[in-house]
Amino acid sequence: MFVPDDFDFKDKAEKIAFMKKYSFATIITVKGTIPIATQLPFIIDDTSGKLLLRSHFAIANEQVEHIVNNTSLVIFTEPHAYISPSLYEKRESVPTWDYIAIHAYGKARIIEDVDGKIELLEQMISYYEEEYMEQWKSLSEKFKKGMIRGITAFELEVTDFQGQKKLSQNKSKIERQRIVEHLEQSENTTEKDIAAYIKNELE
């Protein structure tokens, strides 16, 4: 990832918190010379001293064959906004885009055992919709085993991760305040989210 000094996202704990908040990410792996990608929800686990990303593919997804022996890239990104040059003080300005992104790299291991797959699914239920757990536990074992046969669960240990937090840090305080005010008025929730990040950097 190319990261200009002004936009370097350095704080490890903050990067992990961002990954947990925006945990629907894209995993990219090379097949031969061609990158292939899948969008997946992830569980981010940093409790063991390692940074682990857990998820599952549909069993028919060909990317499964390449995630163990090859390094994958998982991209976490979500809030972003077009920034108009009309918000800058100088007339000789150009448009840009503010955004936050994390690139995480690592090799995966396949979770083969049934108990491990169930544990992963229940972690995802607890994280994404805890209320569903009661319904899940009431489902028949036949149904659950059928679901498990249809997925390939995996765990990826992150060996490197980089972040970019491009929040108009190279602009004046007045310009950044204008950007925040403009984005806060937007009906687009993504633009409001990035406004909150820019505002936080100003405080």
Protein backbone atom coordinates (compact mmCIF):
# COMPACT_ATOMS: atom_id res chain seq x y z
CA MET A 1 0.00 0.00 0.00
CA PHE A 2 1.36 3.43 -0.93
CA VAL A 3 0.88 5.68 2.09
CA PRO A 4 2.01 9.33 2.00
CA ASP A 5 3.42 10.46 5.36
CA ASP A 6 0.50 12.83 5.99
CA PHE A 7 -1.98 9.97 5.81
CA ASP A 8 -0.16 7.16 7.63
CA PHE A 9 -2.52 5.22 9.93
CA LYS A 10 -0.04 4.17 12.60
CA ASP A 11 -1.94 3.30 15.77
CA LYS A 12 -2.28 -0.51 15.93
CA ALA A 13 -5.21 -0.59 18.37
CA GLU A 14 -7.09 1.99 16.32
CA LYS A 15 -6.49 0.01 13.12
CA ILE A 16 -7.85 -3.16 14.72
CA ALA A 17 -10.88 -1.26 16.03
CA PHE A 18 -11.54 -0.01 12.49
CA MET A 19 -11.32 -3.56 11.12
CA LYS A 20 -13.83 -4.75 13.72
CA LYS A 21 -16.22 -1.90 12.94
CA TYR A 22 -16.03 -2.34 9.16
CA SER A 23 -15.57 -6.11 9.12
CA PHE A 24 -17.20 -6.89 5.75
CA ALA A 25 -14.02 -7.01 3.69
CA THR A 26 -12.53 -8.23 0.42
CA ILE A 27 -10.04 -11.12 0.43
CA ILE A 28 -7.75 -11.28 -2.61
CA THR A 29 -5.52 -14.23 -3.52
CA VAL A 30 -3.46 -14.90 -6.62
CA LYS A 31 -4.44 -17.87 -8.81
CA GLY A 32 -1.46 -18.34 -11.11
CA THR A 33 -0.95 -14.77 -12.28
CA ILE A 34 -4.57 -13.64 -11.87
CA PRO A 35 -5.90 -12.11 -8.63
CA ILE A 36 -9.26 -13.52 -7.50
CA ALA A 37 -11.41 -11.97 -4.78
CA THR A 38 -14.40 -12.62 -2.54
CA GLN A 39 -16.33 -10.28 -0.25
CA LEU A 40 -16.80 -11.83 3.21
CA PRO A 41 -17.77 -10.92 6.78
CA PHE A 42 -14.87 -11.47 9.16
CA ILE A 43 -14.37 -12.09 12.85
CA ILE A 44 -11.29 -10.19 14.00
CA ASP A 45 -9.59 -11.80 17.01
CA ASP A 46 -6.65 -10.11 18.73
CA THR A 47 -7.02 -11.77 22.13
CA SER A 48 -4.14 -14.27 21.83
CA GLY A 49 -1.32 -11.90 20.98
CA LYS A 50 -1.85 -12.74 17.31
CA LEU A 51 -4.18 -10.98 14.90
CA LEU A 52 -6.50 -13.60 13.40
CA LEU A 53 -9.16 -13.14 10.74
CA ARG A 54 -11.84 -15.84 10.57
CA SER A 55 -14.52 -16.39 7.96
CA HIS A 56 -15.84 -18.96 5.50
CA PHE A 57 -16.27 -19.44 1.78
CA ALA A 58 -19.02 -21.28 -0.05
CA ILE A 59 -17.49 -24.70 -0.63
CA ALA A 60 -17.65 -24.27 -4.42
CA ASN A 61 -15.54 -21.09 -4.35
CA GLU A 62 -12.27 -21.79 -6.19
CA GLN A 63 -10.39 -19.28 -4.06
CA VAL A 64 -10.33 -21.89 -1.27
CA GLU A 65 -7.67 -23.82 -3.20
CA HIS A 66 -5.21 -20.92 -3.05
CA ILE A 67 -5.45 -19.38 0.44
CA VAL A 68 -3.22 -21.90 2.27
CA ASN A 69 -0.09 -21.83 0.09
CA ASN A 70 -0.36 -18.21 -1.00
CA THR A 71 -0.42 -14.94 0.91
CA SER A 72 -3.83 -13.28 0.74
CA LEU A 73 -4.62 -9.59 1.02
CA VAL A 74 -7.73 -8.60 2.98
CA ILE A 75 -8.92 -5.03 2.40
CA PHE A 76 -11.05 -3.31 5.03
CA THR A 77 -12.56 -0.02 3.90
CA GLU A 78 -15.88 1.71 4.23
CA PRO A 79 -16.43 5.42 4.93
CA HIS A 80 -15.31 7.67 2.10
CA ALA A 81 -16.37 10.91 0.46
CA TYR A 82 -15.71 13.07 -2.57
CA ILE A 83 -14.14 16.37 -1.49
CA SER A 84 -14.97 19.34 -3.70
CA PRO A 85 -12.31 21.99 -4.39
CA SER A 86 -15.02 24.57 -3.67
CA LEU A 87 -14.30 23.90 0.02
CA TYR A 88 -10.67 25.03 -0.27
CA GLU A 89 -9.29 28.52 0.16
CA LYS A 90 -7.20 28.51 -3.02
CA ARG A 91 -8.93 28.66 -6.39
CA GLU A 92 -6.15 26.59 -7.95
CA SER A 93 -7.28 23.36 -6.28
CA VAL A 94 -8.49 20.01 -7.54
CA PRO A 95 -11.05 17.47 -6.28
CA THR A 96 -9.96 14.57 -4.12
CA TRP A 97 -11.40 11.73 -2.05
CA ASP A 98 -11.13 11.18 1.71
CA TYR A 99 -11.22 7.61 3.00
CA ILE A 100 -9.80 5.07 5.45
CA ALA A 101 -8.43 1.67 4.42
CA ILE A 102 -6.55 -1.21 6.05
CA HIS A 103 -4.60 -3.83 4.08
CA ALA A 104 -3.96 -7.05 6.03
CA TYR A 105 -1.71 -9.84 4.69
CA GLY A 106 -1.32 -13.46 5.71
CA LYS A 107 -1.70 -17.14 4.88
CA ALA A 108 -4.75 -19.10 5.97
CA ARG A 109 -5.36 -22.50 7.47
CA ILE A 110 -8.54 -24.43 6.73
CA ILE A 111 -10.71 -25.34 9.72
CA GLU A 112 -11.51 -28.96 8.96
CA ASP A 113 -13.30 -30.28 12.05
CA VAL A 114 -17.04 -29.94 12.55
CA ASP A 115 -16.70 -28.48 16.04
CA GLY A 116 -14.32 -25.81 14.75
CA LYS A 117 -16.75 -24.85 12.00
CA ILE A 118 -19.64 -24.65 14.45
CA GLU A 119 -17.54 -22.52 16.79
CA LEU A 120 -16.79 -20.11 13.93
CA LEU A 121 -20.44 -19.88 12.88
CA GLU A 122 -21.49 -19.21 16.47
CA GLN A 123 -18.81 -16.53 16.82
CA MET A 124 -20.24 -14.84 13.73
CA ILE A 125 -23.79 -15.11 15.03
CA SER A 126 -22.75 -13.62 18.39
CA TYR A 127 -21.00 -10.74 16.65
CA TYR A 128 -23.45 -9.91 13.88
CA GLU A 129 -26.84 -10.87 15.36
CA GLU A 130 -26.75 -12.23 18.89
CA GLU A 131 -30.56 -12.47 18.95
CA TYR A 132 -30.38 -15.18 16.28
CA MET A 133 -28.43 -17.52 18.57
CA GLU A 134 -31.56 -18.87 20.26
CA GLN A 135 -33.09 -19.74 16.89
CA TRP A 136 -29.81 -21.27 15.69
CA LYS A 137 -29.56 -23.53 18.73
CA SER A 138 -33.11 -24.76 18.15
CA LEU A 139 -32.38 -25.90 14.60
CA SER A 140 -32.00 -29.61 13.90
CA GLU A 141 -28.57 -31.24 13.79
CA LYS A 142 -29.39 -32.45 10.30
CA PHE A 143 -29.90 -28.88 9.11
CA LYS A 144 -26.73 -27.63 10.83
CA LYS A 145 -24.61 -30.42 9.39
CA GLY A 146 -26.01 -29.66 5.95
CA MET A 147 -25.01 -26.01 6.36
CA ILE A 148 -21.53 -26.98 7.53
CA ARG A 149 -21.00 -29.28 4.54
CA GLY A 150 -21.64 -26.30 2.28
CA ILE A 151 -18.86 -24.09 3.63
CA THR A 152 -15.08 -23.99 3.92
CA ALA A 153 -14.11 -22.26 7.18
CA PHE A 154 -10.67 -20.71 7.57
CA GLU A 155 -8.46 -18.68 9.87
CA LEU A 156 -5.87 -16.25 8.53
CA GLU A 157 -3.01 -15.07 10.73
CA VAL A 158 -2.08 -11.50 9.84
CA THR A 159 1.67 -11.17 9.30
CA ASP A 160 1.58 -7.55 8.12
CA PHE A 161 -1.01 -4.84 7.99
CA GLN A 162 -0.88 -1.27 6.81
CA GLY A 163 -3.33 1.56 7.01
CA GLN A 164 -4.12 4.82 5.33
CA LYS A 165 -6.28 7.46 6.93
CA LYS A 166 -6.74 10.18 4.31
CA LEU A 167 -8.74 12.85 6.10
CA SER A 168 -7.54 16.07 4.44
CA GLN A 169 -4.66 16.33 6.94
CA ASN A 170 -2.72 18.28 4.31
CA LYS A 171 -5.33 21.05 4.32
CA SER A 172 -5.72 23.99 6.70
CA LYS A 173 -7.86 23.77 9.81
CA ILE A 174 -10.39 26.16 8.29
CA GLU A 175 -10.66 24.03 5.15
CA ARG A 176 -11.10 20.86 7.18
CA GLN A 177 -13.83 22.50 9.26
CA ARG A 178 -15.60 23.46 6.01
CA ILE A 179 -15.31 19.86 4.80
CA VAL A 180 -16.79 18.54 8.04
CA GLU A 181 -19.70 20.99 7.94
CA HIS A 182 -20.39 20.13 4.30
CA LEU A 183 -20.32 16.36 4.85
CA GLU A 184 -22.38 16.52 8.02
CA GLN A 185 -25.22 18.02 5.97
CA SER A 186 -25.19 15.12 3.53
CA GLU A 187 -28.01 12.56 3.46
CA ASN A 188 -25.37 9.92 2.70
CA THR A 189 -24.49 8.10 5.93
CA THR A 190 -21.07 7.13 4.57
CA GLU A 191 -20.20 10.80 4.11
CA LYS A 192 -21.42 11.57 7.62
CA ASP A 193 -19.22 8.78 8.96
CA ILE A 194 -16.10 10.15 7.30
CA ALA A 195 -17.01 13.62 8.59
CA ALA A 196 -16.93 12.23 12.13
CA TYR A 197 -13.43 10.83 11.55
CA ILE A 198 -12.19 14.16 10.16
CA LYS A 199 -13.77 16.03 13.08
CA ASN A 200 -12.11 13.67 15.55
CA GLU A 201 -8.71 14.40 13.99
CA LEU A 202 -9.33 18.13 14.48
CA GLU A 203 -9.99 17.79 18.22
